[in-house]
């Protein structure tokens, strides 16, 4: 099963390396997919996080930690919700991620058990 998972993920990994993570020096314009909740976001210090809050428990933890309980309803309640085709949500999340540095977000992710982390080169 492990080999199958690696091969199945290789296309997306290649896309990410070629299109999403071009050294992170220039302005980030790529996306992992149409997903708002599984996406790269730029931080206040122009670094990047990979946000992976597709499960409700991680989404809710993020909303609470970011002080945005008003966004709880942006999750469908299904086992996983990628937030496909939610451009407004992506834009709002980018505004939120611009409020803190990479180090600040990383600490928050750890302290609140949020599925996200630094996107390093």
PDB file of N, CA and C in Angstrom:
ATOM      1  N   UNK A   1       0.819  -1.188   0.000  1.00  0.00           N
ATOM      2  CA  UNK A   1       0.000   0.000   0.000  1.00  0.00           C
ATOM      3  C   UNK A   1       0.864   1.253   0.000  1.00  0.00           C
ATOM      4  N   UNK A   2       2.004   1.184   0.654  1.00  0.00           N
ATOM      5  CA  UNK A   2       2.868   2.355   0.738  1.00  0.00           C
ATOM      6  C   UNK A   2       3.333   2.785  -0.655  1.00  0.00           C
ATOM      7  N   UNK A   3       3.763   1.812  -1.482  1.00  0.00           N
ATOM      8  CA  UNK A   3       4.219   2.151  -2.824  1.00  0.00           C
ATOM      9  C   UNK A   3       3.095   2.787  -3.637  1.00  0.00           C
ATOM     10  N   UNK A   4       1.896   2.283  -3.488  1.00  0.00           N
ATOM     11  CA  UNK A   4       0.751   2.836  -4.210  1.00  0.00           C
ATOM     12  C   UNK A   4       0.491   4.273  -3.777  1.00  0.00           C
ATOM     13  N   UNK A   5       0.565   4.527  -2.483  1.00  0.00           N
ATOM     14  CA  UNK A   5       0.343   5.883  -1.985  1.00  0.00           C
ATOM     15  C   UNK A   5       1.403   6.843  -2.512  1.00  0.00           C
ATOM     16  N   UNK A   6       2.642   6.403  -2.548  1.00  0.00           N
ATOM     17  CA  UNK A   6       3.722   7.254  -3.055  1.00  0.00           C
ATOM     18  C   UNK A   6       3.501   7.573  -4.526  1.00  0.00           C
ATOM     19  N   UNK A   7       3.176   6.564  -5.319  1.00  0.00           N
ATOM     20  CA  UNK A   7       2.956   6.791  -6.748  1.00  0.00           C
ATOM     21  C   UNK A   7       1.730   7.665  -6.967  1.00  0.00           C
ATOM     22  N   UNK A   8       0.673   7.428  -6.227  1.00  0.00           N
ATOM     23  CA  UNK A   8      -0.544   8.225  -6.383  1.00  0.00           C
ATOM     24  C   UNK A   8      -0.295   9.685  -6.040  1.00  0.00           C
ATOM     25  N   UNK A   9       0.585   9.936  -5.104  1.00  0.00           N
ATOM     26  CA  UNK A   9       0.878  11.309  -4.707  1.00  0.00           C
ATOM     27  C   UNK A   9       1.962  11.978  -5.522  1.00  0.00           C
ATOM     28  N   UNK A  10       2.636  11.254  -6.381  1.00  0.00           N
ATOM     29  CA  UNK A  10       3.774  11.829  -7.094  1.00  0.00           C
ATOM     30  C   UNK A  10       3.384  12.915  -8.079  1.00  0.00           C
ATOM     31  N   UNK A  11       2.236  12.796  -8.728  1.00  0.00           N
ATOM     32  CA  UNK A  11       1.827  13.815  -9.681  1.00  0.00           C
ATOM     33  C   UNK A  11       1.617  15.145  -8.979  1.00  0.00           C
ATOM     34  N   UNK A  12       0.874  15.114  -7.888  1.00  0.00           N
ATOM     35  CA  UNK A  12       0.642  16.342  -7.129  1.00  0.00           C
ATOM     36  C   UNK A  12       1.931  16.899  -6.556  1.00  0.00           C
ATOM     37  N   UNK A  13       2.806  16.030  -6.098  1.00  0.00           N
ATOM     38  CA  UNK A  13       4.087  16.486  -5.563  1.00  0.00           C
ATOM     39  C   UNK A  13       4.927  17.170  -6.623  1.00  0.00           C
ATOM     40  N   UNK A  14       4.956  16.595  -7.813  1.00  0.00           N
ATOM     41  CA  UNK A  14       5.694  17.221  -8.917  1.00  0.00           C
ATOM     42  C   UNK A  14       5.120  18.569  -9.273  1.00  0.00           C
ATOM     43  N   UNK A  15       3.790  18.648  -9.309  1.00  0.00           N
ATOM     44  CA  UNK A  15       3.124  19.922  -9.594  1.00  0.00           C
ATOM     45  C   UNK A  15       3.495  20.953  -8.534  1.00  0.00           C
ATOM     46  N   UNK A  16       3.459  20.533  -7.279  1.00  0.00           N
ATOM     47  CA  UNK A  16       3.783  21.470  -6.203  1.00  0.00           C
ATOM     48  C   UNK A  16       5.210  21.971  -6.304  1.00  0.00           C
ATOM     49  N   UNK A  17       6.147  21.086  -6.581  1.00  0.00           N
ATOM     50  CA  UNK A  17       7.534  21.505  -6.665  1.00  0.00           C
ATOM     51  C   UNK A  17       7.773  22.430  -7.853  1.00  0.00           C
ATOM     52  N   UNK A  18       7.111  22.155  -8.963  1.00  0.00           N
ATOM     53  CA  UNK A  18       7.334  22.941 -10.173  1.00  0.00           C
ATOM     54  C   UNK A  18       6.571  24.256 -10.163  1.00  0.00           C
ATOM     55  N   UNK A  19       5.362  24.255  -9.653  1.00  0.00           N
ATOM     56  CA  UNK A  19       4.500  25.424  -9.783  1.00  0.00           C
ATOM     57  C   UNK A  19       4.290  26.186  -8.489  1.00  0.00           C
ATOM     58  N   UNK A  20       4.284  25.515  -7.372  1.00  0.00           N
ATOM     59  CA  UNK A  20       3.869  26.134  -6.125  1.00  0.00           C
ATOM     60  C   UNK A  20       5.050  26.675  -5.334  1.00  0.00           C
ATOM     61  N   UNK A  21       6.149  25.984  -5.349  1.00  0.00           N
ATOM     62  CA  UNK A  21       7.234  26.310  -4.443  1.00  0.00           C
ATOM     63  C   UNK A  21       8.493  26.701  -5.215  1.00  0.00           C
ATOM     64  N   UNK A  22       8.451  27.811  -5.979  1.00  0.00           N
ATOM     65  CA  UNK A  22       9.600  28.194  -6.792  1.00  0.00           C
ATOM     66  C   UNK A  22      10.661  28.916  -5.974  1.00  0.00           C
ATOM     67  N   UNK A  23      11.140  28.286  -4.919  1.00  0.00           N
ATOM     68  CA  UNK A  23      12.142  28.882  -4.068  1.00  0.00           C
ATOM     69  C   UNK A  23      11.557  29.847  -3.055  1.00  0.00           C
ATOM     70  N   UNK A  24      10.295  30.166  -3.154  1.00  0.00           N
ATOM     71  CA  UNK A  24       9.577  31.056  -2.255  1.00  0.00           C
ATOM     72  C   UNK A  24      10.138  32.481  -2.271  1.00  0.00           C
ATOM     73  N   UNK A  25      11.059  32.820  -3.205  1.00  0.00           N
ATOM     74  CA  UNK A  25      11.621  34.161  -3.211  1.00  0.00           C
ATOM     75  C   UNK A  25      10.651  35.171  -3.822  1.00  0.00           C
ATOM     76  N   UNK A  26       9.926  34.759  -4.837  1.00  0.00           N
ATOM     77  CA  UNK A  26       9.050  35.705  -5.515  1.00  0.00           C
ATOM     78  C   UNK A  26       7.637  35.593  -4.957  1.00  0.00           C
ATOM     79  N   UNK A  27       6.814  36.527  -5.322  1.00  0.00           N
ATOM     80  CA  UNK A  27       5.449  36.525  -4.807  1.00  0.00           C
ATOM     81  C   UNK A  27       4.762  35.214  -5.151  1.00  0.00           C
ATOM     82  N   UNK A  28       4.102  34.639  -4.172  1.00  0.00           N
ATOM     83  CA  UNK A  28       3.443  33.351  -4.340  1.00  0.00           C
ATOM     84  C   UNK A  28       2.101  33.543  -5.031  1.00  0.00           C
ATOM     85  N   UNK A  29       1.945  32.908  -6.162  1.00  0.00           N
ATOM     86  CA  UNK A  29       0.674  33.007  -6.867  1.00  0.00           C
ATOM     87  C   UNK A  29       0.063  31.648  -7.136  1.00  0.00           C
ATOM     88  N   UNK A  30       0.791  30.586  -6.862  1.00  0.00           N
ATOM     89  CA  UNK A  30       0.270  29.255  -7.139  1.00  0.00           C
ATOM     90  C   UNK A  30      -0.659  28.766  -6.057  1.00  0.00           C
ATOM     91  N   UNK A  31      -1.337  27.669  -6.332  1.00  0.00           N
ATOM     92  CA  UNK A  31      -2.228  27.045  -5.380  1.00  0.00           C
ATOM     93  C   UNK A  31      -2.009  25.554  -5.424  1.00  0.00           C
ATOM     94  N   UNK A  32      -2.271  24.901  -4.310  1.00  0.00           N
ATOM     95  CA  UNK A  32      -2.227  23.447  -4.286  1.00  0.00           C
ATOM     96  C   UNK A  32      -3.313  22.916  -5.210  1.00  0.00           C
ATOM     97  N   UNK A  33      -4.482  23.486  -5.127  1.00  0.00           N
ATOM     98  CA  UNK A  33      -5.634  23.095  -5.939  1.00  0.00           C
ATOM     99  C   UNK A  33      -6.674  24.190  -5.779  1.00  0.00           C
ATOM    100  N   UNK A  34      -7.914  23.879  -6.037  1.00  0.00           N
ATOM    101  CA  UNK A  34      -8.989  24.826  -5.780  1.00  0.00           C
ATOM    102  C   UNK A  34      -9.389  24.827  -4.314  1.00  0.00           C
ATOM    103  N   UNK A  35      -8.711  24.068  -3.513  1.00  0.00           N
ATOM    104  CA  UNK A  35      -9.043  23.924  -2.101  1.00  0.00           C
ATOM    105  C   UNK A  35      -8.624  25.142  -1.296  1.00  0.00           C
ATOM    106  N   UNK A  36      -9.545  25.684  -0.514  1.00  0.00           N
ATOM    107  CA  UNK A  36      -9.211  26.795   0.384  1.00  0.00           C
ATOM    108  C   UNK A  36      -8.592  26.273   1.677  1.00  0.00           C
ATOM    109  N   UNK A  37      -8.940  25.056   2.057  1.00  0.00           N
ATOM    110  CA  UNK A  37      -8.518  24.535   3.357  1.00  0.00           C
ATOM    111  C   UNK A  37      -7.297  23.631   3.282  1.00  0.00           C
ATOM    112  N   UNK A  38      -6.798  23.402   2.087  1.00  0.00           N
ATOM    113  CA  UNK A  38      -5.552  22.653   1.902  1.00  0.00           C
ATOM    114  C   UNK A  38      -4.752  23.462   0.898  1.00  0.00           C
ATOM    115  N   UNK A  39      -3.980  24.422   1.440  1.00  0.00           N
ATOM    116  CA  UNK A  39      -3.433  25.457   0.584  1.00  0.00           C
ATOM    117  C   UNK A  39      -2.209  26.121   1.208  1.00  0.00           C
ATOM    118  N   UNK A  40      -1.338  26.663   0.366  1.00  0.00           N
ATOM    119  CA  UNK A  40      -0.244  27.512   0.826  1.00  0.00           C
ATOM    120  C   UNK A  40      -0.776  28.920   1.048  1.00  0.00           C
ATOM    121  N   UNK A  41      -0.325  29.558   2.137  1.00  0.00           N
ATOM    122  CA  UNK A  41      -0.678  30.944   2.409  1.00  0.00           C
ATOM    123  C   UNK A  41       0.566  31.701   2.848  1.00  0.00           C
ATOM    124  N   UNK A  42       0.660  32.936   2.409  1.00  0.00           N
ATOM    125  CA  UNK A  42       1.792  33.779   2.771  1.00  0.00           C
ATOM    126  C   UNK A  42       1.541  34.401   4.144  1.00  0.00           C
ATOM    127  N   UNK A  43       2.621  34.508   4.933  1.00  0.00           N
ATOM    128  CA  UNK A  43       2.541  35.101   6.259  1.00  0.00           C
ATOM    129  C   UNK A  43       2.984  36.565   6.214  1.00  0.00           C
ATOM    130  N   UNK A  44       2.873  37.237   7.350  1.00  0.00           N
ATOM    131  CA  UNK A  44       3.223  38.660   7.413  1.00  0.00           C
ATOM    132  C   UNK A  44       4.669  38.907   6.993  1.00  0.00           C
ATOM    133  N   UNK A  45       5.575  37.984   7.307  1.00  0.00           N
ATOM    134  CA  UNK A  45       6.986  38.164   6.969  1.00  0.00           C
ATOM    135  C   UNK A  45       7.346  37.583   5.595  1.00  0.00           C
ATOM    136  N   UNK A  46       6.334  37.404   4.750  1.00  0.00           N
ATOM    137  CA  UNK A  46       6.489  36.951   3.369  1.00  0.00           C
ATOM    138  C   UNK A  46       7.083  35.538   3.275  1.00  0.00           C
ATOM    139  N   UNK A  47       6.804  34.714   4.286  1.00  0.00           N
ATOM    140  CA  UNK A  47       7.139  33.293   4.253  1.00  0.00           C
ATOM    141  C   UNK A  47       5.827  32.565   4.010  1.00  0.00           C
ATOM    142  N   UNK A  48       5.840  31.242   4.081  1.00  0.00           N
ATOM    143  CA  UNK A  48       4.637  30.494   3.722  1.00  0.00           C
ATOM    144  C   UNK A  48       4.335  29.375   4.702  1.00  0.00           C
ATOM    145  N   UNK A  49       3.035  29.126   4.863  1.00  0.00           N
ATOM    146  CA  UNK A  49       2.559  27.976   5.624  1.00  0.00           C
ATOM    147  C   UNK A  49       1.762  27.093   4.669  1.00  0.00           C
ATOM    148  N   UNK A  50       1.748  25.805   4.978  1.00  0.00           N
ATOM    149  CA  UNK A  50       0.837  24.893   4.292  1.00  0.00           C
ATOM    150  C   UNK A  50      -0.265  24.587   5.290  1.00  0.00           C
ATOM    151  N   UNK A  51      -1.445  25.043   4.970  1.00  0.00           N
ATOM    152  CA  UNK A  51      -2.626  24.923   5.816  1.00  0.00           C
ATOM    153  C   UNK A  51      -3.383  23.676   5.386  1.00  0.00           C
ATOM    154  N   UNK A  52      -3.695  22.790   6.328  1.00  0.00           N
ATOM    155  CA  UNK A  52      -4.300  21.489   6.004  1.00  0.00           C
ATOM    156  C   UNK A  52      -5.522  21.211   6.875  1.00  0.00           C
ATOM    157  N   UNK A  53      -6.380  22.176   7.042  1.00  0.00           N
ATOM    158  CA  UNK A  53      -7.510  22.047   7.966  1.00  0.00           C
ATOM    159  C   UNK A  53      -8.758  21.514   7.271  1.00  0.00           C
ATOM    160  N   UNK A  54      -8.632  20.364   6.623  1.00  0.00           N
ATOM    161  CA  UNK A  54      -9.771  19.800   5.897  1.00  0.00           C
ATOM    162  C   UNK A  54     -10.709  19.014   6.807  1.00  0.00           C
ATOM    163  N   UNK A  55     -10.214  18.601   7.976  1.00  0.00           N
ATOM    164  CA  UNK A  55     -11.071  17.903   8.929  1.00  0.00           C
ATOM    165  C   UNK A  55     -11.681  18.926   9.888  1.00  0.00           C
ATOM    166  N   UNK A  56     -12.920  18.701  10.277  1.00  0.00           N
ATOM    167  CA  UNK A  56     -13.653  19.660  11.102  1.00  0.00           C
ATOM    168  C   UNK A  56     -12.920  20.007  12.389  1.00  0.00           C
ATOM    169  N   UNK A  57     -12.304  19.020  13.053  1.00  0.00           N
ATOM    170  CA  UNK A  57     -11.618  19.308  14.316  1.00  0.00           C
ATOM    171  C   UNK A  57     -10.461  20.277  14.110  1.00  0.00           C
ATOM    172  N   UNK A  58      -9.746  20.179  12.977  1.00  0.00           N
ATOM    173  CA  UNK A  58      -8.644  21.098  12.707  1.00  0.00           C
ATOM    174  C   UNK A  58      -9.166  22.470  12.282  1.00  0.00           C
ATOM    175  N   UNK A  59     -10.246  22.471  11.492  1.00  0.00           N
ATOM    176  CA  UNK A  59     -10.848  23.735  11.075  1.00  0.00           C
ATOM    177  C   UNK A  59     -11.351  24.509  12.297  1.00  0.00           C
ATOM    178  N   UNK A  60     -12.075  23.813  13.180  1.00  0.00           N
ATOM    179  CA  UNK A  60     -12.606  24.469  14.375  1.00  0.00           C
ATOM    180  C   UNK A  60     -11.480  24.976  15.277  1.00  0.00           C
ATOM    181  N   UNK A  61     -10.420  24.173  15.425  1.00  0.00           N
ATOM    182  CA  UNK A  61      -9.278  24.595  16.247  1.00  0.00           C
ATOM    183  C   UNK A  61      -8.643  25.853  15.659  1.00  0.00           C
ATOM    184  N   UNK A  62      -8.519  25.908  14.338  1.00  0.00           N
ATOM    185  CA  UNK A  62      -7.969  27.098  13.687  1.00  0.00           C
ATOM    186  C   UNK A  62      -8.859  28.314  13.924  1.00  0.00           C
ATOM    187  N   UNK A  63     -10.143  28.150  13.701  1.00  0.00           N
ATOM    188  CA  UNK A  63     -11.070  29.278  13.875  1.00  0.00           C
ATOM    189  C   UNK A  63     -11.005  29.829  15.298  1.00  0.00           C
ATOM    190  N   UNK A  64     -10.982  28.923  16.291  1.00  0.00           N
ATOM    191  CA  UNK A  64     -10.896  29.349  17.690  1.00  0.00           C
ATOM    192  C   UNK A  64      -9.577  30.080  17.955  1.00  0.00           C
ATOM    193  N   UNK A  65      -8.466  29.473  17.520  1.00  0.00           N
ATOM    194  CA  UNK A  65      -7.140  30.046  17.797  1.00  0.00           C
ATOM    195  C   UNK A  65      -6.943  31.386  17.100  1.00  0.00           C
ATOM    196  N   UNK A  66      -7.537  31.550  15.920  1.00  0.00           N
ATOM    197  CA  UNK A  66      -7.402  32.798  15.164  1.00  0.00           C
ATOM    198  C   UNK A  66      -8.428  33.838  15.598  1.00  0.00           C
ATOM    199  N   UNK A  67      -9.297  33.469  16.546  1.00  0.00           N
ATOM    200  CA  UNK A  67     -10.331  34.392  16.994  1.00  0.00           C
ATOM    201  C   UNK A  67     -11.404  34.624  15.943  1.00  0.00           C
ATOM    202  N   UNK A  68     -11.649  33.602  15.119  1.00  0.00           N
ATOM    203  CA  UNK A  68     -12.623  33.719  14.035  1.00  0.00           C
ATOM    204  C   UNK A  68     -13.696  32.636  14.146  1.00  0.00           C
ATOM    205  N   UNK A  69     -14.342  32.573  15.302  1.00  0.00           N
ATOM    206  CA  UNK A  69     -15.421  31.619  15.504  1.00  0.00           C
ATOM    207  C   UNK A  69     -16.551  31.834  14.506  1.00  0.00           C
ATOM    208  N   UNK A  70     -16.629  33.034  13.940  1.00  0.00           N
ATOM    209  CA  UNK A  70     -17.649  33.307  12.928  1.00  0.00           C
ATOM    210  C   UNK A  70     -17.449  32.465  11.666  1.00  0.00           C
ATOM    211  N   UNK A  71     -16.284  31.830  11.537  1.00  0.00           N
ATOM    212  CA  UNK A  71     -16.000  31.021  10.352  1.00  0.00           C
ATOM    213  C   UNK A  71     -16.269  29.528  10.562  1.00  0.00           C
ATOM    214  N   UNK A  72     -16.738  29.120  11.747  1.00  0.00           N
ATOM    215  CA  UNK A  72     -17.059  27.704  11.980  1.00  0.00           C
ATOM    216  C   UNK A  72     -17.945  27.150  10.876  1.00  0.00           C
ATOM    217  N   UNK A  73     -18.930  27.908  10.463  1.00  0.00           N
ATOM    218  CA  UNK A  73     -19.914  27.425   9.488  1.00  0.00           C
ATOM    219  C   UNK A  73     -19.334  27.247   8.090  1.00  0.00           C
ATOM    220  N   UNK A  74     -18.093  27.644   7.875  1.00  0.00           N
ATOM    221  CA  UNK A  74     -17.467  27.471   6.562  1.00  0.00           C
ATOM    222  C   UNK A  74     -16.983  26.033   6.357  1.00  0.00           C
ATOM    223  N   UNK A  75     -17.367  25.139   7.258  1.00  0.00           N
ATOM    224  CA  UNK A  75     -17.037  23.710   7.097  1.00  0.00           C
ATOM    225  C   UNK A  75     -18.334  22.935   6.925  1.00  0.00           C
ATOM    226  N   UNK A  76     -18.339  22.040   5.967  1.00  0.00           N
ATOM    227  CA  UNK A  76     -19.565  21.309   5.632  1.00  0.00           C
ATOM    228  C   UNK A  76     -19.995  20.322   6.716  1.00  0.00           C
ATOM    229  N   UNK A  77     -19.073  19.939   7.581  1.00  0.00           N
ATOM    230  CA  UNK A  77     -19.394  18.958   8.605  1.00  0.00           C
ATOM    231  C   UNK A  77     -19.129  17.527   8.164  1.00  0.00           C
ATOM    232  N   UNK A  78     -18.785  17.345   6.885  1.00  0.00           N
ATOM    233  CA  UNK A  78     -18.439  16.002   6.403  1.00  0.00           C
ATOM    234  C   UNK A  78     -17.074  15.615   6.960  1.00  0.00           C
ATOM    235  N   UNK A  79     -16.669  14.374   6.741  1.00  0.00           N
ATOM    236  CA  UNK A  79     -15.384  13.900   7.274  1.00  0.00           C
ATOM    237  C   UNK A  79     -14.235  14.798   6.824  1.00  0.00           C
ATOM    238  N   UNK A  80     -14.237  15.174   5.560  1.00  0.00           N
ATOM    239  CA  UNK A  80     -13.240  16.120   5.051  1.00  0.00           C
ATOM    240  C   UNK A  80     -13.934  17.147   4.173  1.00  0.00           C
ATOM    241  N   UNK A  81     -13.463  18.364   4.286  1.00  0.00           N
ATOM    242  CA  UNK A  81     -14.017  19.451   3.484  1.00  0.00           C
ATOM    243  C   UNK A  81     -12.845  20.285   2.990  1.00  0.00           C
ATOM    244  N   UNK A  82     -12.543  20.167   1.712  1.00  0.00           N
ATOM    245  CA  UNK A  82     -11.417  20.884   1.132  1.00  0.00           C
ATOM    246  C   UNK A  82     -11.757  22.340   0.809  1.00  0.00           C
ATOM    247  N   UNK A  83     -13.021  22.688   0.797  1.00  0.00           N
ATOM    248  CA  UNK A  83     -13.410  24.042   0.459  1.00  0.00           C
ATOM    249  C   UNK A  83     -13.142  24.355  -0.999  1.00  0.00           C
ATOM    250  N   UNK A  84     -13.470  23.417  -1.883  1.00  0.00           N
ATOM    251  CA  UNK A  84     -13.229  23.624  -3.311  1.00  0.00           C
ATOM    252  C   UNK A  84     -14.045  24.797  -3.835  1.00  0.00           C
ATOM    253  N   UNK A  85     -13.461  25.513  -4.766  1.00  0.00           N
ATOM    254  CA  UNK A  85     -14.128  26.632  -5.437  1.00  0.00           C
ATOM    255  C   UNK A  85     -14.609  27.699  -4.468  1.00  0.00           C
ATOM    256  N   UNK A  86     -13.901  27.881  -3.387  1.00  0.00           N
ATOM    257  CA  UNK A  86     -14.276  28.899  -2.411  1.00  0.00           C
ATOM    258  C   UNK A  86     -13.247  30.018  -2.440  1.00  0.00           C
ATOM    259  N   UNK A  87     -13.271  30.782  -3.519  1.00  0.00           N
ATOM    260  CA  UNK A  87     -12.318  31.873  -3.683  1.00  0.00           C
ATOM    261  C   UNK A  87     -12.411  32.906  -2.581  1.00  0.00           C
ATOM    262  N   UNK A  88     -13.617  33.230  -2.138  1.00  0.00           N
ATOM    263  CA  UNK A  88     -13.769  34.215  -1.065  1.00  0.00           C
ATOM    264  C   UNK A  88     -13.151  33.710   0.233  1.00  0.00           C
ATOM    265  N   UNK A  89     -13.309  32.421   0.501  1.00  0.00           N
ATOM    266  CA  UNK A  89     -12.712  31.848   1.711  1.00  0.00           C
ATOM    267  C   UNK A  89     -11.187  31.877   1.600  1.00  0.00           C
ATOM    268  N   UNK A  90     -10.640  31.524   0.435  1.00  0.00           N
ATOM    269  CA  UNK A  90      -9.191  31.603   0.234  1.00  0.00           C
ATOM    270  C   UNK A  90      -8.698  33.025   0.476  1.00  0.00           C
ATOM    271  N   UNK A  91      -9.405  34.003  -0.058  1.00  0.00           N
ATOM    272  CA  UNK A  91      -9.004  35.403   0.129  1.00  0.00           C
ATOM    273  C   UNK A  91      -9.029  35.796   1.600  1.00  0.00           C
ATOM    274  N   UNK A  92     -10.072  35.377   2.325  1.00  0.00           N
ATOM    275  CA  UNK A  92     -10.172  35.703   3.750  1.00  0.00           C
ATOM    276  C   UNK A  92      -9.074  35.008   4.547  1.00  0.00           C
ATOM    277  N   UNK A  93      -8.806  33.746   4.218  1.00  0.00           N
ATOM    278  CA  UNK A  93      -7.723  33.043   4.904  1.00  0.00           C
ATOM    279  C   UNK A  93      -6.385  33.727   4.634  1.00  0.00           C
ATOM    280  N   UNK A  94      -6.161  34.194   3.413  1.00  0.00           N
ATOM    281  CA  UNK A  94      -4.912  34.898   3.137  1.00  0.00           C
ATOM    282  C   UNK A  94      -4.810  36.166   3.971  1.00  0.00           C
ATOM    283  N   UNK A  95      -5.906  36.890   4.109  1.00  0.00           N
ATOM    284  CA  UNK A  95      -5.887  38.087   4.964  1.00  0.00           C
ATOM    285  C   UNK A  95      -5.532  37.707   6.407  1.00  0.00           C
ATOM    286  N   UNK A  96      -6.085  36.613   6.888  1.00  0.00           N
ATOM    287  CA  UNK A  96      -5.795  36.155   8.251  1.00  0.00           C
ATOM    288  C   UNK A  96      -4.322  35.783   8.383  1.00  0.00           C
ATOM    289  N   UNK A  97      -3.799  35.019   7.427  1.00  0.00           N
ATOM    290  CA  UNK A  97      -2.395  34.586   7.525  1.00  0.00           C
ATOM    291  C   UNK A  97      -1.416  35.748   7.392  1.00  0.00           C
ATOM    292  N   UNK A  98      -1.815  36.819   6.788  1.00  0.00           N
ATOM    293  CA  UNK A  98      -0.947  38.002   6.701  1.00  0.00           C
ATOM    294  C   UNK A  98      -0.834  38.746   8.031  1.00  0.00           C
ATOM    295  N   UNK A  99      -1.586  38.348   9.047  1.00  0.00           N
ATOM    296  CA  UNK A  99      -1.558  39.060  10.327  1.00  0.00           C
ATOM    297  C   UNK A  99      -0.444  38.604  11.263  1.00  0.00           C
ATOM    298  N   UNK A 100       0.220  37.494  10.960  1.00  0.00           N
ATOM    299  CA  UNK A 100       1.261  36.961  11.847  1.00  0.00           C
ATOM    300  C   UNK A 100       2.443  36.467  11.028  1.00  0.00           C
ATOM    301  N   UNK A 101       3.576  36.348  11.703  1.00  0.00           N
ATOM    302  CA  UNK A 101       4.781  35.827  11.054  1.00  0.00           C
ATOM    303  C   UNK A 101       4.724  34.297  10.999  1.00  0.00           C
ATOM    304  N   UNK A 102       5.625  33.718  10.243  1.00  0.00           N
ATOM    305  CA  UNK A 102       5.709  32.258  10.163  1.00  0.00           C
ATOM    306  C   UNK A 102       5.937  31.657  11.543  1.00  0.00           C
ATOM    307  N   UNK A 103       6.840  32.237  12.312  1.00  0.00           N
ATOM    308  CA  UNK A 103       7.122  31.714  13.658  1.00  0.00           C
ATOM    309  C   UNK A 103       5.880  31.790  14.551  1.00  0.00           C
ATOM    310  N   UNK A 104       5.152  32.882  14.469  1.00  0.00           N
ATOM    311  CA  UNK A 104       3.936  33.033  15.275  1.00  0.00           C
ATOM    312  C   UNK A 104       2.887  32.004  14.880  1.00  0.00           C
ATOM    313  N   UNK A 105       2.701  31.805  13.578  1.00  0.00           N
ATOM    314  CA  UNK A 105       1.732  30.801  13.122  1.00  0.00           C
ATOM    315  C   UNK A 105       2.169  29.401  13.543  1.00  0.00           C
ATOM    316  N   UNK A 106       3.451  29.103  13.414  1.00  0.00           N
ATOM    317  CA  UNK A 106       3.940  27.770  13.773  1.00  0.00           C
ATOM    318  C   UNK A 106       3.672  27.472  15.243  1.00  0.00           C
ATOM    319  N   UNK A 107       3.940  28.447  16.111  1.00  0.00           N
ATOM    320  CA  UNK A 107       3.644  28.259  17.541  1.00  0.00           C
ATOM    321  C   UNK A 107       2.145  28.023  17.756  1.00  0.00           C
ATOM    322  N   UNK A 108       1.323  28.809  17.083  1.00  0.00           N
ATOM    323  CA  UNK A 108      -0.126  28.672  17.228  1.00  0.00           C
ATOM    324  C   UNK A 108      -0.589  27.291  16.757  1.00  0.00           C
ATOM    325  N   UNK A 109      -0.055  26.821  15.634  1.00  0.00           N
ATOM    326  CA  UNK A 109      -0.424  25.492  15.120  1.00  0.00           C
ATOM    327  C   UNK A 109      -0.102  24.405  16.144  1.00  0.00           C
ATOM    328  N   UNK A 110       1.074  24.502  16.735  1.00  0.00           N
ATOM    329  CA  UNK A 110       1.493  23.493  17.720  1.00  0.00           C
ATOM    330  C   UNK A 110       0.630  23.573  18.978  1.00  0.00           C
ATOM    331  N   UNK A 111       0.452  24.778  19.497  1.00  0.00           N
ATOM    332  CA  UNK A 111      -0.301  24.960  20.736  1.00  0.00           C
ATOM    333  C   UNK A 111      -1.761  24.538  20.624  1.00  0.00           C
ATOM    334  N   UNK A 112      -2.338  24.647  19.428  1.00  0.00           N
ATOM    335  CA  UNK A 112      -3.767  24.383  19.262  1.00  0.00           C
ATOM    336  C   UNK A 112      -4.067  23.143  18.406  1.00  0.00           C
ATOM    337  N   UNK A 113      -3.034  22.329  18.152  1.00  0.00           N
ATOM    338  CA  UNK A 113      -3.213  21.078  17.394  1.00  0.00           C
ATOM    339  C   UNK A 113      -3.914  21.326  16.057  1.00  0.00           C
ATOM    340  N   UNK A 114      -3.345  22.214  15.264  1.00  0.00           N
ATOM    341  CA  UNK A 114      -3.892  22.552  13.953  1.00  0.00           C
ATOM    342  C   UNK A 114      -3.027  21.895  12.882  1.00  0.00           C
ATOM    343  N   UNK A 115      -3.661  21.246  11.934  1.00  0.00           N
ATOM    344  CA  UNK A 115      -2.928  20.564  10.856  1.00  0.00           C
ATOM    345  C   UNK A 115      -2.416  21.604   9.865  1.00  0.00           C
ATOM    346  N   UNK A 116      -1.231  22.099  10.120  1.00  0.00           N
ATOM    347  CA  UNK A 116      -0.582  23.101   9.281  1.00  0.00           C
ATOM    348  C   UNK A 116       0.859  23.203   9.735  1.00  0.00           C
ATOM    349  N   UNK A 117       1.676  23.822   8.905  1.00  0.00           N
ATOM    350  CA  UNK A 117       3.070  23.990   9.283  1.00  0.00           C
ATOM    351  C   UNK A 117       3.809  24.852   8.290  1.00  0.00           C
ATOM    352  N   UNK A 118       5.070  25.131   8.588  1.00  0.00           N
ATOM    353  CA  UNK A 118       5.857  25.969   7.692  1.00  0.00           C
ATOM    354  C   UNK A 118       6.108  25.267   6.361  1.00  0.00           C
ATOM    355  N   UNK A 119       6.044  26.034   5.287  1.00  0.00           N
ATOM    356  CA  UNK A 119       6.411  25.523   3.964  1.00  0.00           C
ATOM    357  C   UNK A 119       7.834  25.982   3.703  1.00  0.00           C
ATOM    358  N   UNK A 120       8.779  25.104   3.902  1.00  0.00           N
ATOM    359  CA  UNK A 120      10.197  25.442   3.818  1.00  0.00           C
ATOM    360  C   UNK A 120      10.793  24.982   2.495  1.00  0.00           C
ATOM    361  N   UNK A 121      11.837  25.663   2.047  1.00  0.00           N
ATOM    362  CA  UNK A 121      12.488  25.250   0.801  1.00  0.00           C
ATOM    363  C   UNK A 121      13.553  24.222   1.115  1.00  0.00           C
TER     364      UNK A 121
END
